[in-house]
Amino acid sequence: MTNLKAQPIRMDQQNLCCVCESKLHGREDKAFCNYKCKNLYHADKRRKRNHGYIKQTSNRLNRNYDILCYLAGPNVEKFCVNRLELSRLGFQFNIVSGYDYNKFGLKLNVYEFSWYMNKNQNVIIYRNKEQNDVSPYVYKRWERKMKHKESMT
């Protein structure tokens, strides 16, 4: 993959920022007017490059989650399902949101659901009721990001 540099927009012997199109001052090869435009450019470039994979993985995770919610019902904490039945419903065992090793073996997660593979082709599934609160620092960052997005539109 080639590493292409951002190029300024050239109009009437002047260089313009490639994001906001404001007039550039300084070096001849300068492409951005400030660090905010530079960050926006690279974030957009990164989002476009990874968008397909992220969307595809997110859709698969949501599909697995929907299948587990359908099987569990609203108030079930623990249940057992045959592995073939899960496969028939379209569950993909290799798409997980996390994993952990403990005394029972490998525990795989899809959001609040966890499961263990049993030796007799059964899958034991647990719903974790404990909700982790979002850190106030993460929440503040998210708030700032949302305000910035609203101001950009």
Protein backbone atom coordinates (compact mmCIF):
# COMPACT_ATOMS: atom_id res chain seq x y z
CA MET A 1 0.00 0.00 0.00
CA THR A 2 1.44 3.36 -0.98
CA ASN A 3 1.61 6.17 1.53
CA LEU A 4 0.14 9.18 -0.26
CA LYS A 5 0.65 12.57 1.32
CA ALA A 6 -2.17 15.06 1.59
CA GLN A 7 -1.85 17.70 -1.09
CA PRO A 8 -2.98 21.32 -0.73
CA ILE A 9 -5.54 22.70 -3.15
CA ARG A 10 -3.94 25.11 -5.63
CA MET A 11 -5.99 28.06 -6.87
CA ASP A 12 -4.73 31.29 -8.47
CA GLN A 13 -1.12 30.86 -7.31
CA GLN A 14 -2.29 30.24 -3.69
CA ASN A 15 -2.40 27.08 -1.61
CA LEU A 16 -5.62 26.22 0.23
CA CYS A 17 -6.18 23.78 3.10
CA CYS A 18 -7.34 20.43 1.72
CA VAL A 19 -10.04 20.16 4.44
CA CYS A 20 -11.57 23.61 5.01
CA GLU A 21 -10.12 25.40 1.94
CA SER A 22 -8.79 28.35 3.92
CA LYS A 23 -5.67 30.17 2.71
CA LEU A 24 -2.37 28.62 3.82
CA HIS A 25 0.60 30.61 5.07
CA GLY A 26 4.12 29.28 5.49
CA ARG A 27 5.84 26.40 3.76
CA GLU A 28 5.15 25.63 0.12
CA ASP A 29 4.23 21.98 0.77
CA LYS A 30 1.91 22.72 3.72
CA ALA A 31 -1.45 20.93 3.27
CA PHE A 32 -3.41 21.86 6.43
CA CYS A 33 -4.13 25.19 8.08
CA ASN A 34 -4.04 23.77 11.64
CA TYR A 35 -3.89 20.55 13.65
CA LYS A 36 -7.70 20.19 13.74
CA CYS A 37 -7.93 19.99 9.96
CA LYS A 38 -5.02 17.56 9.93
CA ASN A 39 -6.73 15.33 12.51
CA LEU A 40 -10.05 15.45 10.63
CA TYR A 41 -8.34 14.51 7.37
CA HIS A 42 -6.54 11.50 8.85
CA ALA A 43 -9.57 10.34 10.87
CA ASP A 44 -11.70 10.43 7.72
CA LYS A 45 -9.02 8.57 5.77
CA ARG A 46 -8.78 5.90 8.51
CA ARG A 47 -12.58 5.56 8.71
CA LYS A 48 -12.88 5.07 4.95
CA ARG A 49 -10.09 2.49 4.93
CA ASN A 50 -11.50 0.37 7.80
CA HIS A 51 -15.22 1.00 7.37
CA GLY A 52 -16.05 -2.24 5.55
CA TYR A 53 -14.36 -4.52 8.06
CA ILE A 54 -15.76 -2.73 11.09
CA LYS A 55 -19.30 -2.73 9.73
CA GLN A 56 -19.08 -6.40 8.74
CA THR A 57 -17.77 -7.46 12.17
CA SER A 58 -20.35 -5.34 13.97
CA ASN A 59 -23.16 -6.90 11.92
CA ARG A 60 -21.91 -10.41 12.72
CA LEU A 61 -21.65 -9.60 16.45
CA ASN A 62 -25.18 -8.20 16.43
CA ARG A 63 -26.45 -11.31 14.62
CA ASN A 64 -24.87 -13.56 17.28
CA TYR A 65 -26.33 -11.37 20.02
CA ASP A 66 -29.82 -11.51 18.45
CA ILE A 67 -29.66 -15.31 18.28
CA LEU A 68 -28.66 -15.57 21.95
CA CYS A 69 -31.42 -13.12 22.99
CA TYR A 70 -33.97 -15.15 21.02
CA LEU A 71 -32.91 -18.39 22.68
CA ALA A 72 -32.56 -16.95 26.19
CA GLY A 73 -35.78 -15.01 26.41
CA PRO A 74 -36.15 -12.03 28.74
CA ASN A 75 -35.52 -13.55 32.19
CA VAL A 76 -33.24 -16.57 31.67
CA GLU A 77 -29.83 -16.45 33.37
CA LYS A 78 -28.37 -19.80 32.22
CA PHE A 79 -29.30 -22.32 29.53
CA CYS A 80 -27.83 -25.10 27.43
CA VAL A 81 -28.13 -25.44 23.63
CA ASN A 82 -26.80 -27.96 21.17
CA ARG A 83 -23.95 -26.62 19.05
CA LEU A 84 -25.63 -27.81 15.84
CA GLU A 85 -28.80 -25.91 16.72
CA LEU A 86 -26.81 -22.70 17.15
CA SER A 87 -25.05 -23.29 13.83
CA ARG A 88 -28.39 -23.93 12.13
CA LEU A 89 -29.65 -20.56 13.38
CA GLY A 90 -26.59 -18.87 11.86
CA PHE A 91 -24.49 -18.36 14.99
CA GLN A 92 -20.80 -17.87 14.19
CA PHE A 93 -18.59 -19.20 17.00
CA ASN A 94 -15.49 -17.34 15.84
CA ILE A 95 -17.11 -13.87 16.13
CA VAL A 96 -16.82 -12.77 19.77
CA SER A 97 -16.53 -9.51 21.69
CA GLY A 98 -14.12 -10.96 24.25
CA TYR A 99 -12.73 -14.08 25.86
CA ASP A 100 -11.26 -15.21 29.15
CA TYR A 101 -9.58 -18.31 30.61
CA ASN A 102 -10.72 -19.61 33.97
CA LYS A 103 -10.91 -22.93 35.84
CA PHE A 104 -13.69 -24.18 33.52
CA GLY A 105 -11.71 -23.48 30.34
CA LEU A 106 -12.13 -20.88 27.62
CA LYS A 107 -15.06 -18.51 28.21
CA LEU A 108 -16.21 -16.63 25.09
CA ASN A 109 -18.37 -13.48 25.18
CA VAL A 110 -20.82 -11.63 22.98
CA TYR A 111 -21.70 -8.48 24.91
CA GLU A 112 -23.40 -9.65 28.15
CA PHE A 113 -23.61 -13.32 27.12
CA SER A 114 -20.82 -15.79 27.96
CA TRP A 115 -20.53 -19.42 26.94
CA TYR A 116 -18.43 -22.53 27.38
CA MET A 117 -18.10 -25.38 24.93
CA ASN A 118 -19.01 -28.71 26.45
CA LYS A 119 -17.44 -32.03 25.39
CA ASN A 120 -20.79 -33.47 24.31
CA GLN A 121 -21.47 -30.80 21.64
CA ASN A 122 -23.56 -28.69 24.02
CA VAL A 123 -22.95 -25.03 24.70
CA ILE A 124 -23.64 -23.65 28.19
CA ILE A 125 -24.65 -19.99 27.93
CA TYR A 126 -24.81 -17.45 30.76
CA ARG A 127 -26.25 -13.96 30.80
CA ASN A 128 -24.14 -11.60 32.91
CA LYS A 129 -26.52 -9.21 34.64
CA GLU A 130 -23.90 -6.92 36.11
CA GLN A 131 -23.55 -3.75 34.06
CA ASN A 132 -20.27 -1.88 34.12
CA ASP A 133 -20.73 1.85 34.40
CA VAL A 134 -19.02 3.95 31.80
CA SER A 135 -16.05 5.84 33.14
CA PRO A 136 -16.78 9.58 33.51
CA TYR A 137 -13.66 10.29 31.46
CA VAL A 138 -14.89 8.16 28.58
CA TYR A 139 -18.33 9.78 28.82
CA LYS A 140 -16.85 13.30 28.69
CA ARG A 141 -14.77 12.36 25.64
CA TRP A 142 -17.89 10.95 23.96
CA GLU A 143 -19.86 14.14 24.76
CA ARG A 144 -17.13 16.32 23.23
CA LYS A 145 -17.02 14.14 20.14
CA MET A 146 -20.79 14.33 19.66
CA LYS A 147 -20.80 18.13 20.08
CA HIS A 148 -17.97 18.40 17.55
CA LYS A 149 -19.92 16.24 15.06
CA GLU A 150 -23.04 18.41 15.50
CA SER A 151 -21.04 21.58 14.91
CA MET A 152 -19.53 20.12 11.71
CA THR A 153 -22.95 19.51 10.12
